Protein backbone atom coordinates (compact mmCIF):
# COMPACT_ATOMS: atom_id res chain seq x y z
CA UNK A 1 10.94 49.88 17.36
CA UNK A 2 13.90 50.38 15.06
CA UNK A 3 17.43 50.29 16.42
CA UNK A 4 19.16 53.59 16.93
CA UNK A 5 21.21 54.84 13.95
CA UNK A 6 24.44 54.43 15.93
CA UNK A 7 23.67 50.78 16.81
CA UNK A 8 22.62 49.93 13.26
CA UNK A 9 25.68 51.65 11.80
CA UNK A 10 28.07 49.76 14.10
CA UNK A 11 26.51 46.38 13.32
CA UNK A 12 26.29 46.87 9.55
CA UNK A 13 29.80 48.33 9.40
CA UNK A 14 31.11 45.09 10.89
CA UNK A 15 29.21 43.11 8.27
CA UNK A 16 30.63 45.38 5.56
CA UNK A 17 34.19 44.78 6.80
CA UNK A 18 33.61 41.01 6.87
CA UNK A 19 32.18 40.97 3.33
CA UNK A 20 35.03 43.09 1.93
CA UNK A 21 37.55 40.77 3.63
CA UNK A 22 35.88 37.72 2.04
CA UNK A 23 35.90 39.34 -1.42
CA UNK A 24 39.54 40.41 -1.20
CA UNK A 25 40.75 37.05 0.13
CA UNK A 26 38.88 35.15 -2.58
CA UNK A 27 40.33 37.30 -5.35
CA UNK A 28 43.82 36.94 -3.86
CA UNK A 29 43.63 33.14 -3.76
CA UNK A 30 41.72 32.34 -6.95
CA UNK A 31 42.42 33.10 -10.60
CA UNK A 32 39.16 33.76 -12.49
CA UNK A 33 36.36 35.05 -10.25
CA UNK A 34 33.01 36.41 -11.45
CA UNK A 35 30.16 38.16 -9.64
CA UNK A 36 26.55 37.20 -10.24
CA UNK A 37 24.59 40.39 -10.90
CA UNK A 38 20.85 40.23 -11.57
CA UNK A 39 19.91 43.79 -10.66
CA UNK A 40 18.25 42.68 -7.43
CA UNK A 41 18.94 44.33 -4.09
CA UNK A 42 21.40 41.70 -2.81
CA UNK A 43 23.47 41.71 -5.99
CA UNK A 44 23.41 45.53 -5.96
CA UNK A 45 24.84 45.50 -2.44
CA UNK A 46 27.40 42.86 -3.43
CA UNK A 47 28.56 44.92 -6.42
CA UNK A 48 28.82 48.02 -4.22
CA UNK A 49 30.95 46.08 -1.69
CA UNK A 50 33.18 44.71 -4.45
CA UNK A 51 33.80 48.18 -5.85
CA UNK A 52 34.66 49.43 -2.36
CA UNK A 53 36.99 46.48 -1.82
CA UNK A 54 39.22 47.47 -4.74
CA UNK A 55 38.68 51.22 -5.04
CA UNK A 56 40.28 53.20 -6.67
CA UNK A 57 41.29 50.30 -8.92
CA UNK A 58 38.66 49.02 -11.35
CA UNK A 59 36.64 45.91 -10.57
CA UNK A 60 39.02 42.97 -11.22
CA UNK A 61 36.37 40.56 -12.50
CA UNK A 62 33.30 40.60 -14.77
CA UNK A 63 29.61 40.35 -13.89
CA UNK A 64 27.39 37.44 -14.91
CA UNK A 65 23.61 37.29 -15.20
CA UNK A 66 21.53 34.27 -16.15
CA UNK A 67 18.60 35.98 -17.86
CA UNK A 68 15.43 33.88 -17.91
CA UNK A 69 13.83 36.16 -20.50
CA UNK A 70 10.99 36.72 -18.02
CA UNK A 71 12.70 39.33 -15.88
CA UNK A 72 11.01 42.63 -15.10
CA UNK A 73 11.97 45.20 -17.79
CA UNK A 74 12.73 47.79 -15.09
CA UNK A 75 15.28 45.43 -13.54
CA UNK A 76 17.01 44.67 -16.85
CA UNK A 77 17.31 48.41 -17.55
CA UNK A 78 18.78 48.92 -14.07
CA UNK A 79 21.16 45.96 -14.54
CA UNK A 80 22.62 47.31 -17.78
CA UNK A 81 22.87 50.89 -16.57
CA UNK A 82 24.51 49.94 -13.26
CA UNK A 83 27.05 47.65 -14.92
CA UNK A 84 27.98 50.42 -17.34
CA UNK A 85 28.35 52.97 -14.53
CA UNK A 86 30.58 50.52 -12.66
CA UNK A 87 32.76 50.10 -15.75
CA UNK A 88 32.24 46.34 -15.52
CA UNK A 89 32.00 43.78 -18.29
CA UNK A 90 28.59 42.12 -18.18
CA UNK A 91 28.19 38.55 -19.44
CA UNK A 92 24.58 37.50 -20.05
CA UNK A 93 23.64 33.83 -20.37
CA UNK A 94 20.13 33.67 -21.84
CA UNK A 95 17.70 30.86 -21.08
CA UNK A 96 15.78 31.81 -24.24
CA UNK A 97 18.79 30.83 -26.38
CA UNK A 98 18.73 27.36 -24.85
CA UNK A 99 15.00 27.00 -25.49
CA UNK A 100 15.37 28.22 -29.08
CA UNK A 101 18.03 25.64 -29.97
CA UNK A 102 16.45 22.77 -28.05
CA UNK A 103 18.94 22.43 -25.22
CA UNK A 104 16.11 23.26 -22.77
CA UNK A 105 12.37 22.71 -22.96
CA UNK A 106 9.83 25.21 -21.67
CA UNK A 107 8.12 23.95 -18.52
CA UNK A 108 4.34 23.37 -18.59
CA UNK A 109 3.89 25.85 -15.72
CA UNK A 110 5.85 28.56 -17.61
CA UNK A 111 8.32 29.04 -14.74
CA UNK A 112 11.88 29.49 -15.95
CA UNK A 113 13.77 29.80 -12.68
CA UNK A 114 14.56 26.05 -12.60
CA UNK A 115 15.93 26.37 -16.16
CA UNK A 116 18.75 28.69 -15.06
CA UNK A 117 21.05 25.91 -13.84
CA UNK A 118 22.40 24.64 -17.17
CA UNK A 119 23.11 28.13 -18.64
CA UNK A 120 24.85 29.06 -15.38
CA UNK A 121 27.05 25.95 -15.36
CA UNK A 122 27.85 26.35 -19.05
CA UNK A 123 28.90 29.99 -18.52
CA UNK A 124 31.15 28.96 -15.63
CA UNK A 125 32.77 26.20 -17.70
CA UNK A 126 33.14 28.22 -20.91
CA UNK A 127 34.78 31.15 -19.10
CA UNK A 128 36.77 28.89 -16.75
CA UNK A 129 35.52 30.75 -13.67
CA UNK A 130 36.90 29.22 -10.48
CA UNK A 131 35.07 31.46 -8.00
CA UNK A 132 31.50 32.72 -8.36
CA UNK A 133 30.36 35.45 -5.97
CA UNK A 134 26.66 35.36 -5.09
CA UNK A 135 24.35 37.38 -2.87
CA UNK A 136 22.76 34.43 -1.06
CA UNK A 137 22.04 34.92 2.65
CA UNK A 138 21.45 32.29 5.33
CA UNK A 139 18.19 33.86 6.52
CA UNK A 140 16.50 33.38 3.13
CA UNK A 141 15.97 29.63 3.13
CA UNK A 142 16.87 26.50 5.12
CA UNK A 143 19.05 25.19 2.28
CA UNK A 144 21.03 28.43 2.18
CA UNK A 145 21.37 28.35 5.96
CA UNK A 146 23.26 25.05 5.61
CA UNK A 147 25.84 26.43 3.22
CA UNK A 148 29.29 27.74 4.06
CA UNK A 149 30.60 31.17 3.05
CA UNK A 150 32.97 29.43 0.61
CA UNK A 151 31.13 26.45 -0.82
CA UNK A 152 32.72 23.76 -2.99
CA UNK A 153 31.09 22.63 -6.24
CA UNK A 154 32.23 19.43 -7.94
CA UNK A 155 33.16 18.98 -11.60
CA UNK A 156 29.46 18.85 -12.47
CA UNK A 157 28.71 22.08 -10.57
CA UNK A 158 26.81 20.16 -7.91
CA UNK A 159 26.63 20.87 -4.18
CA UNK A 160 26.85 18.13 -1.58
CA UNK A 161 25.44 19.32 1.76
CA UNK A 162 27.33 16.47 3.48
CA UNK A 163 30.65 17.71 2.11
CA UNK A 164 30.93 21.05 3.90
CA UNK A 165 34.28 22.44 4.95
CA UNK A 166 34.78 23.87 8.46
CA UNK A 167 35.24 27.65 8.64
CA UNK A 168 36.62 28.09 12.14
CA UNK A 169 37.85 31.55 13.12
CA UNK A 170 36.66 32.94 9.76
CA UNK A 171 39.29 30.95 7.86
CA UNK A 172 38.04 30.03 4.41
CA UNK A 173 39.30 27.22 2.20
CA UNK A 174 38.76 27.82 -1.53
CA UNK A 175 41.09 25.04 -2.70
CA UNK A 176 39.63 22.76 -5.35
CA UNK A 177 40.65 20.23 -7.98
CA UNK A 178 40.70 21.02 -11.72
CA UNK A 179 37.16 21.21 -13.04
CA UNK A 180 35.70 22.13 -9.65
CA UNK A 181 34.93 25.67 -8.48
CA UNK A 182 33.71 27.47 -5.39
CA UNK A 183 30.69 29.65 -4.77
CA UNK A 184 31.43 32.54 -2.43
CA UNK A 185 28.71 34.23 -0.36
CA UNK A 186 30.00 37.42 1.30
CA UNK A 187 26.48 38.29 2.54
CA UNK A 188 25.94 34.95 4.30
CA UNK A 189 25.63 36.51 7.75
CA UNK A 190 23.43 39.42 6.67
CA UNK A 191 19.67 39.58 7.15
CA UNK A 192 17.12 41.30 4.93
CA UNK A 193 17.05 44.17 7.44
CA UNK A 194 20.86 44.42 7.35
CA UNK A 195 20.78 44.67 3.54
CA UNK A 196 18.22 47.48 3.62
CA UNK A 197 20.04 49.29 6.43
CA UNK A 198 23.22 49.19 4.33
CA UNK A 199 21.34 50.42 1.27
CA UNK A 200 20.12 53.34 3.39
CA UNK A 201 23.58 54.00 4.82
CA UNK A 202 25.36 53.90 1.44
CA UNK A 203 22.51 55.47 -0.61
CA UNK A 204 22.54 52.59 -3.11
CA UNK A 205 20.12 53.03 -6.00
CA UNK A 206 17.65 50.21 -6.63
CA UNK A 207 14.95 49.43 -9.21
CA UNK A 208 11.73 51.25 -8.37
CA UNK A 209 9.88 47.93 -8.10
CA UNK A 210 11.24 47.62 -4.56
CA UNK A 211 9.09 50.57 -3.46
CA UNK A 212 5.32 50.91 -3.22
CA UNK A 213 3.53 51.79 -6.46
CA UNK A 214 0.14 51.28 -8.10
CA UNK A 215 -0.01 48.17 -10.28
CA UNK A 216 -2.58 45.92 -11.91
CA UNK A 217 -2.38 42.58 -10.12
CA UNK A 218 -4.35 39.38 -9.61
CA UNK A 219 -4.46 36.79 -6.85
CA UNK A 220 -2.44 33.69 -7.80
CA UNK A 221 -2.75 31.14 -4.99
CA UNK A 222 -2.41 33.81 -2.32
CA UNK A 223 0.29 35.88 -4.12
CA UNK A 224 -0.24 39.12 -6.01
CA UNK A 225 1.08 38.65 -9.54
CA UNK A 226 1.50 41.52 -12.00
CA UNK A 227 -0.60 41.53 -15.16
CA UNK A 228 1.94 40.97 -17.96
CA UNK A 229 2.28 38.96 -21.16
CA UNK A 230 4.25 36.42 -19.15
CA UNK A 231 1.66 36.27 -16.35
CA UNK A 232 -1.80 36.82 -17.85
CA UNK A 233 -4.63 36.73 -15.29
CA UNK A 234 -6.83 34.35 -17.27
CA UNK A 235 -10.27 34.32 -15.71
CA UNK A 236 -9.03 35.70 -12.38
CA UNK A 237 -10.22 39.20 -11.47
CA UNK A 238 -7.73 42.04 -11.98
CA UNK A 239 -7.36 44.68 -9.27
CA UNK A 240 -5.29 47.82 -8.90
CA UNK A 241 -3.31 47.61 -5.69
CA UNK A 242 -0.50 49.52 -4.05
CA UNK A 243 2.30 46.97 -3.95
CA UNK A 244 6.04 46.53 -3.89
CA UNK A 245 8.41 43.62 -4.52
CA UNK A 246 10.65 42.13 -1.85
CA UNK A 247 12.50 40.17 -4.56
CA UNK A 248 12.61 40.91 -8.29
CA UNK A 249 13.20 37.54 -9.93
CA UNK A 250 11.42 35.81 -12.79
CA UNK A 251 7.95 37.34 -13.34
CA UNK A 252 6.43 33.88 -13.72
CA UNK A 253 7.07 32.98 -10.08
CA UNK A 254 7.58 36.29 -8.23
CA UNK A 255 4.71 37.94 -6.42
CA UNK A 256 4.31 41.39 -4.93
CA UNK A 257 3.25 42.31 -1.39
CA UNK A 258 0.68 44.92 -0.44
CA UNK A 259 2.64 47.89 0.84
CA UNK A 260 2.71 51.64 1.46
CA UNK A 261 6.50 51.69 1.92
CA UNK A 262 7.76 54.26 -0.56
CA UNK A 263 11.20 54.91 0.93
CA UNK A 264 14.08 52.87 2.34
CA UNK A 265 13.31 53.74 6.02
CA UNK A 266 9.67 52.76 5.47
CA UNK A 267 10.77 49.45 3.92
CA UNK A 268 13.00 48.77 6.95
CA UNK A 269 10.06 49.38 9.29
CA UNK A 270 7.83 47.13 7.20
CA UNK A 271 10.15 44.12 7.08
CA UNK A 272 10.90 44.49 10.80
CA UNK A 273 7.23 43.63 11.40
CA UNK A 274 7.22 40.72 8.91
CA UNK A 275 7.53 37.11 10.06
CA UNK A 276 8.07 35.63 6.58
CA UNK A 277 11.29 35.82 4.57
CA UNK A 278 11.16 37.57 1.21
CA UNK A 279 11.49 34.27 -0.65
CA UNK A 280 8.81 32.60 1.45
CA UNK A 281 6.44 35.51 0.92
CA UNK A 282 6.90 36.11 -2.80
CA UNK A 283 8.63 33.21 -4.61
CA UNK A 284 6.20 30.56 -5.84
CA UNK A 285 9.01 28.26 -7.05
CA UNK A 286 10.30 27.89 -3.49
CA UNK A 287 6.89 26.67 -2.33
CA UNK A 288 6.64 23.70 -4.72
CA UNK A 289 8.13 21.44 -2.03
CA UNK A 290 9.77 22.02 1.34
CA UNK A 291 13.13 21.04 -0.18
CA UNK A 292 12.72 22.91 -3.49
CA UNK A 293 15.71 25.20 -2.99
CA UNK A 294 17.98 22.44 -1.71
CA UNK A 295 17.14 20.19 -4.66
CA UNK A 296 18.03 22.96 -7.12
CA UNK A 297 21.27 23.74 -5.28
CA UNK A 298 22.32 20.08 -5.47
CA UNK A 299 21.90 20.31 -9.23
CA UNK A 300 24.13 23.38 -9.45
CA UNK A 301 21.73 26.28 -8.92
CA UNK A 302 22.75 29.11 -6.63
């Protein structure tokens, strides 16, 4: 049974106030922040919160997306349109550029998510960003559950899980030495249900991929992958299923789930019955090893 609207509103309003406080404090204490914006639901909520935090003033920092070149076209269209409507400058670091000039090599499995780290770190260094806002949440993955709201990265962009700063009484410490920076996660204490409840409350537009639709898919090791040039089915049978996406990352490693949820309230009801996080259910790259996410974070990934 879903919580009553009044209970949900009270809880999510507190989370909203906490996130806005984190965003404002970080901007007040640091010089060159940037917000990661991929066009996914968490980054859409984060952008909405940032705009609320400084309204009616314009957003005081740019947006950054590390584009793998294998993103869903619907999400890229949404990303560009939303950034323009927000009046924000959008910086795009393209993995394809790194492959073209030899700085990165295409993986044998075709997955480009692990290739995002170097373009991300280069963009941070080139633009001298000292704070990078991200939409990571602790309920997504065990590695993200370990991380603080304000997380230090060393001069190589790396994360040391043993070097975590205390955050008693919601006091955050963004201080860092030259060359270092911090990652800031205002949605740390949110759950997937909280995100969708806030989307419902604030009427935030999302890419249509998040809602049930008919699509040609094939079974890829227990996940429903879309039939695309990036993810051809090979000799696997193609079926037309009613599906939706819980995450909208790289097509090469993001699966859909069978669903009839065509509206935000229906999505909330559906995930309330789920016992698997959205990354665990639909992200093949997080299932390579039990520590896949933590290993990438140590290297500088979000």
